[in-house]
Amino acid sequence: MAMNAMNGKADVAAPEATLAIPRFEDGFVNMRELLRQLAESVVNEIMSAEADQL
């Protein structure tokens, strides 16, 4: 991860399929849904990797 010398922020490339952050109507992040989506992504990636090995 490279640091940008001008503003001290890390330059991070966005993943190909970024998840939209789920929010409630008032704008707060819906952490339960966010964690569910992240867990689903991880499980899908693991299953895909295992399928590729077979």
PDB file of N, CA and C in Angstrom:
ATOM      1  N   MET A   1       0.863  -1.177   0.000  1.00  0.00           N
ATOM      2  CA  MET A   1       0.000   0.000   0.000  1.00  0.00           C
ATOM      3  C   MET A   1       0.905   1.234   0.000  1.00  0.00           C
ATOM      4  N   ALA A   2       0.771   2.054  -0.998  1.00  0.00           N
ATOM      5  CA  ALA A   2       1.602   3.253  -1.121  1.00  0.00           C
ATOM      6  C   ALA A   2       0.934   4.436  -0.419  1.00  0.00           C
ATOM      7  N   MET A   3       1.767   5.270   0.191  1.00  0.00           N
ATOM      8  CA  MET A   3       1.243   6.464   0.858  1.00  0.00           C
ATOM      9  C   MET A   3       1.411   7.653  -0.075  1.00  0.00           C
ATOM     10  N   ASN A   4       0.403   8.455  -0.167  1.00  0.00           N
ATOM     11  CA  ASN A   4       0.460   9.672  -0.959  1.00  0.00           C
ATOM     12  C   ASN A   4       1.124  10.742  -0.099  1.00  0.00           C
ATOM     13  N   ALA A   5       2.269  11.281  -0.549  1.00  0.00           N
ATOM     14  CA  ALA A   5       3.029  12.241   0.247  1.00  0.00           C
ATOM     15  C   ALA A   5       2.289  13.563   0.446  1.00  0.00           C
ATOM     16  N   MET A   6       1.405  13.905  -0.483  1.00  0.00           N
ATOM     17  CA  MET A   6       0.709  15.190  -0.400  1.00  0.00           C
ATOM     18  C   MET A   6      -0.314  15.237   0.731  1.00  0.00           C
ATOM     19  N   ASN A   7      -1.085  14.163   0.921  1.00  0.00           N
ATOM     20  CA  ASN A   7      -2.137  14.219   1.927  1.00  0.00           C
ATOM     21  C   ASN A   7      -2.063  13.110   2.970  1.00  0.00           C
ATOM     22  N   GLY A   8      -1.068  12.216   2.884  1.00  0.00           N
ATOM     23  CA  GLY A   8      -0.895  11.173   3.875  1.00  0.00           C
ATOM     24  C   GLY A   8      -1.909  10.051   3.788  1.00  0.00           C
ATOM     25  N   LYS A   9      -2.716  10.027   2.738  1.00  0.00           N
ATOM     26  CA  LYS A   9      -3.708   8.963   2.580  1.00  0.00           C
ATOM     27  C   LYS A   9      -3.112   7.818   1.780  1.00  0.00           C
ATOM     28  N   ALA A  10      -3.532   6.609   2.091  1.00  0.00           N
ATOM     29  CA  ALA A  10      -3.058   5.443   1.365  1.00  0.00           C
ATOM     30  C   ALA A  10      -3.768   5.356   0.020  1.00  0.00           C
ATOM     31  N   ASP A  11      -3.008   5.015  -1.015  1.00  0.00           N
ATOM     32  CA  ASP A  11      -3.587   4.787  -2.334  1.00  0.00           C
ATOM     33  C   ASP A  11      -3.964   3.311  -2.414  1.00  0.00           C
ATOM     34  N   VAL A  12      -5.240   3.023  -2.394  1.00  0.00           N
ATOM     35  CA  VAL A  12      -5.713   1.649  -2.414  1.00  0.00           C
ATOM     36  C   VAL A  12      -6.590   1.461  -3.636  1.00  0.00           C
ATOM     37  N   ALA A  13      -6.266   0.452  -4.435  1.00  0.00           N
ATOM     38  CA  ALA A  13      -7.082   0.151  -5.612  1.00  0.00           C
ATOM     39  C   ALA A  13      -8.379  -0.497  -5.155  1.00  0.00           C
ATOM     40  N   ALA A  14      -9.481  -0.089  -5.749  1.00  0.00           N
ATOM     41  CA  ALA A  14     -10.785  -0.655  -5.395  1.00  0.00           C
ATOM     42  C   ALA A  14     -10.883  -2.074  -5.945  1.00  0.00           C
ATOM     43  N   PRO A  15     -11.424  -3.000  -5.155  1.00  0.00           N
ATOM     44  CA  PRO A  15     -11.603  -4.359  -5.671  1.00  0.00           C
ATOM     45  C   PRO A  15     -12.575  -4.351  -6.854  1.00  0.00           C
ATOM     46  N   GLU A  16     -12.508  -5.389  -7.671  1.00  0.00           N
ATOM     47  CA  GLU A  16     -13.340  -5.466  -8.878  1.00  0.00           C
ATOM     48  C   GLU A  16     -14.827  -5.382  -8.550  1.00  0.00           C
ATOM     49  N   ALA A  17     -15.251  -6.120  -7.552  1.00  0.00           N
ATOM     50  CA  ALA A  17     -16.676  -6.144  -7.196  1.00  0.00           C
ATOM     51  C   ALA A  17     -16.836  -5.599  -5.784  1.00  0.00           C
ATOM     52  N   THR A  18     -16.918  -4.306  -5.662  1.00  0.00           N
ATOM     53  CA  THR A  18     -17.061  -3.712  -4.342  1.00  0.00           C
ATOM     54  C   THR A  18     -18.502  -3.832  -3.872  1.00  0.00           C
ATOM     55  N   LEU A  19     -18.658  -4.018  -2.587  1.00  0.00           N
ATOM     56  CA  LEU A  19     -19.991  -4.104  -2.005  1.00  0.00           C
ATOM     57  C   LEU A  19     -20.512  -2.703  -1.726  1.00  0.00           C
ATOM     58  N   ALA A  20     -21.767  -2.494  -2.014  1.00  0.00           N
ATOM     59  CA  ALA A  20     -22.391  -1.235  -1.636  1.00  0.00           C
ATOM     60  C   ALA A  20     -22.628  -1.298  -0.136  1.00  0.00           C
ATOM     61  N   ILE A  21     -22.272  -0.263   0.579  1.00  0.00           N
ATOM     62  CA  ILE A  21     -22.453  -0.259   2.029  1.00  0.00           C
ATOM     63  C   ILE A  21     -23.937  -0.090   2.324  1.00  0.00           C
ATOM     64  N   PRO A  22     -24.532  -1.098   2.982  1.00  0.00           N
ATOM     65  CA  PRO A  22     -25.965  -1.004   3.291  1.00  0.00           C
ATOM     66  C   PRO A  22     -26.211   0.034   4.379  1.00  0.00           C
ATOM     67  N   ARG A  23     -27.193   0.860   4.160  1.00  0.00           N
ATOM     68  CA  ARG A  23     -27.501   1.928   5.115  1.00  0.00           C
ATOM     69  C   ARG A  23     -28.984   1.908   5.474  1.00  0.00           C
ATOM     70  N   PHE A  24     -29.266   2.385   6.676  1.00  0.00           N
ATOM     71  CA  PHE A  24     -30.640   2.586   7.093  1.00  0.00           C
ATOM     72  C   PHE A  24     -31.155   3.870   6.455  1.00  0.00           C
ATOM     73  N   GLU A  25     -32.439   4.129   6.576  1.00  0.00           N
ATOM     74  CA  GLU A  25     -33.033   5.334   5.994  1.00  0.00           C
ATOM     75  C   GLU A  25     -32.416   6.617   6.552  1.00  0.00           C
ATOM     76  N   ASP A  26     -31.935   6.576   7.807  1.00  0.00           N
ATOM     77  CA  ASP A  26     -31.344   7.764   8.416  1.00  0.00           C
ATOM     78  C   ASP A  26     -29.870   7.956   8.041  1.00  0.00           C
ATOM     79  N   GLY A  27     -29.313   7.050   7.221  1.00  0.00           N
ATOM     80  CA  GLY A  27     -27.948   7.186   6.748  1.00  0.00           C
ATOM     81  C   GLY A  27     -26.921   6.386   7.524  1.00  0.00           C
ATOM     82  N   PHE A  28     -27.296   5.848   8.679  1.00  0.00           N
ATOM     83  CA  PHE A  28     -26.351   5.044   9.453  1.00  0.00           C
ATOM     84  C   PHE A  28     -26.096   3.717   8.748  1.00  0.00           C
ATOM     85  N   VAL A  29     -24.890   3.184   8.925  1.00  0.00           N
ATOM     86  CA  VAL A  29     -24.515   1.921   8.297  1.00  0.00           C
ATOM     87  C   VAL A  29     -25.236   0.775   9.007  1.00  0.00           C
ATOM     88  N   ASN A  30     -25.821  -0.120   8.210  1.00  0.00           N
ATOM     89  CA  ASN A  30     -26.468  -1.319   8.730  1.00  0.00           C
ATOM     90  C   ASN A  30     -25.383  -2.380   8.886  1.00  0.00           C
ATOM     91  N   MET A  31     -24.779  -2.446  10.080  1.00  0.00           N
ATOM     92  CA  MET A  31     -23.645  -3.331  10.325  1.00  0.00           C
ATOM     93  C   MET A  31     -24.012  -4.800  10.172  1.00  0.00           C
ATOM     94  N   ARG A  32     -25.184  -5.189  10.578  1.00  0.00           N
ATOM     95  CA  ARG A  32     -25.597  -6.596  10.466  1.00  0.00           C
ATOM     96  C   ARG A  32     -25.609  -7.020   8.997  1.00  0.00           C
ATOM     97  N   GLU A  33     -26.201  -6.202   8.137  1.00  0.00           N
ATOM     98  CA  GLU A  33     -26.265  -6.522   6.714  1.00  0.00           C
ATOM     99  C   GLU A  33     -24.883  -6.455   6.079  1.00  0.00           C
ATOM    100  N   LEU A  34     -24.069  -5.496   6.481  1.00  0.00           N
ATOM    101  CA  LEU A  34     -22.714  -5.386   5.950  1.00  0.00           C
ATOM    102  C   LEU A  34     -21.908  -6.642   6.281  1.00  0.00           C
ATOM    103  N   LEU A  35     -21.978  -7.094   7.530  1.00  0.00           N
ATOM    104  CA  LEU A  35     -21.255  -8.300   7.934  1.00  0.00           C
ATOM    105  C   LEU A  35     -21.788  -9.529   7.209  1.00  0.00           C
ATOM    106  N   ARG A  36     -23.100  -9.592   6.982  1.00  0.00           N
ATOM    107  CA  ARG A  36     -23.680 -10.720   6.259  1.00  0.00           C
ATOM    108  C   ARG A  36     -23.146 -10.753   4.823  1.00  0.00           C
ATOM    109  N   GLN A  37     -23.097  -9.594   4.173  1.00  0.00           N
ATOM    110  CA  GLN A  37     -22.596  -9.517   2.798  1.00  0.00           C
ATOM    111  C   GLN A  37     -21.112  -9.894   2.728  1.00  0.00           C
ATOM    112  N   LEU A  38     -20.337  -9.417   3.688  1.00  0.00           N
ATOM    113  CA  LEU A  38     -18.914  -9.745   3.710  1.00  0.00           C
ATOM    114  C   LEU A  38     -18.685 -11.237   3.932  1.00  0.00           C
ATOM    115  N   ALA A  39     -19.434 -11.822   4.856  1.00  0.00           N
ATOM    116  CA  ALA A  39     -19.311 -13.258   5.119  1.00  0.00           C
ATOM    117  C   ALA A  39     -19.700 -14.058   3.880  1.00  0.00           C
ATOM    118  N   GLU A  40     -20.760 -13.640   3.208  1.00  0.00           N
ATOM    119  CA  GLU A  40     -21.195 -14.319   1.994  1.00  0.00           C
ATOM    120  C   GLU A  40     -20.106 -14.248   0.921  1.00  0.00           C
ATOM    121  N   SER A  41     -19.466 -13.099   0.784  1.00  0.00           N
ATOM    122  CA  SER A  41     -18.385 -12.927  -0.189  1.00  0.00           C
ATOM    123  C   SER A  41     -17.219 -13.864   0.122  1.00  0.00           C
ATOM    124  N   VAL A  42     -16.842 -13.923   1.379  1.00  0.00           N
ATOM    125  CA  VAL A  42     -15.722 -14.774   1.780  1.00  0.00           C
ATOM    126  C   VAL A  42     -16.046 -16.240   1.505  1.00  0.00           C
ATOM    127  N   VAL A  43     -17.223 -16.676   1.881  1.00  0.00           N
ATOM    128  CA  VAL A  43     -17.620 -18.074   1.661  1.00  0.00           C
ATOM    129  C   VAL A  43     -17.642 -18.390   0.170  1.00  0.00           C
ATOM    130  N   ASN A  44     -18.174 -17.483  -0.644  1.00  0.00           N
ATOM    131  CA  ASN A  44     -18.207 -17.709  -2.086  1.00  0.00           C
ATOM    132  C   ASN A  44     -16.807 -17.811  -2.675  1.00  0.00           C
ATOM    133  N   GLU A  45     -15.883 -16.970  -2.209  1.00  0.00           N
ATOM    134  CA  GLU A  45     -14.509 -17.020  -2.705  1.00  0.00           C
ATOM    135  C   GLU A  45     -13.832 -18.327  -2.312  1.00  0.00           C
ATOM    136  N   ILE A  46     -14.066 -18.783  -1.087  1.00  0.00           N
ATOM    137  CA  ILE A  46     -13.476 -20.050  -0.628  1.00  0.00           C
ATOM    138  C   ILE A  46     -14.022 -21.205  -1.448  1.00  0.00           C
ATOM    139  N   MET A  47     -15.337 -21.225  -1.649  1.00  0.00           N
ATOM    140  CA  MET A  47     -15.951 -22.306  -2.427  1.00  0.00           C
ATOM    141  C   MET A  47     -15.448 -22.289  -3.877  1.00  0.00           C
ATOM    142  N   SER A  48     -15.272 -21.105  -4.439  1.00  0.00           N
ATOM    143  CA  SER A  48     -14.772 -20.990  -5.814  1.00  0.00           C
ATOM    144  C   SER A  48     -13.337 -21.504  -5.902  1.00  0.00           C
ATOM    145  N   ALA A  49     -12.510 -21.151  -4.922  1.00  0.00           N
ATOM    146  CA  ALA A  49     -11.123 -21.617  -4.908  1.00  0.00           C
ATOM    147  C   ALA A  49     -11.055 -23.135  -4.776  1.00  0.00           C
ATOM    148  N   GLU A  50     -11.909 -23.687  -3.914  1.00  0.00           N
ATOM    149  CA  GLU A  50     -11.928 -25.146  -3.743  1.00  0.00           C
ATOM    150  C   GLU A  50     -12.401 -25.842  -5.012  1.00  0.00           C
ATOM    151  N   ALA A  51     -13.388 -25.272  -5.693  1.00  0.00           N
ATOM    152  CA  ALA A  51     -13.890 -25.845  -6.936  1.00  0.00           C
ATOM    153  C   ALA A  51     -12.811 -25.797  -8.007  1.00  0.00           C
ATOM    154  N   ASP A  52     -12.021 -24.724  -8.040  1.00  0.00           N
ATOM    155  CA  ASP A  52     -10.940 -24.602  -9.020  1.00  0.00           C
ATOM    156  C   ASP A  52      -9.851 -25.663  -8.784  1.00  0.00           C
ATOM    157  N   GLN A  53      -9.648 -26.052  -7.533  1.00  0.00           N
ATOM    158  CA  GLN A  53      -8.638 -27.063  -7.219  1.00  0.00           C
ATOM    159  C   GLN A  53      -9.053 -28.442  -7.687  1.00  0.00           C
ATOM    160  N   LEU A  54     -10.359 -28.677  -7.762  1.00  0.00           N
ATOM    161  CA  LEU A  54     -10.838 -30.016  -8.166  1.00  0.00           C
ATOM    162  C   LEU A  54     -10.798 -30.182  -9.620  1.00  0.00           C
TER     163      LEU A  54
END
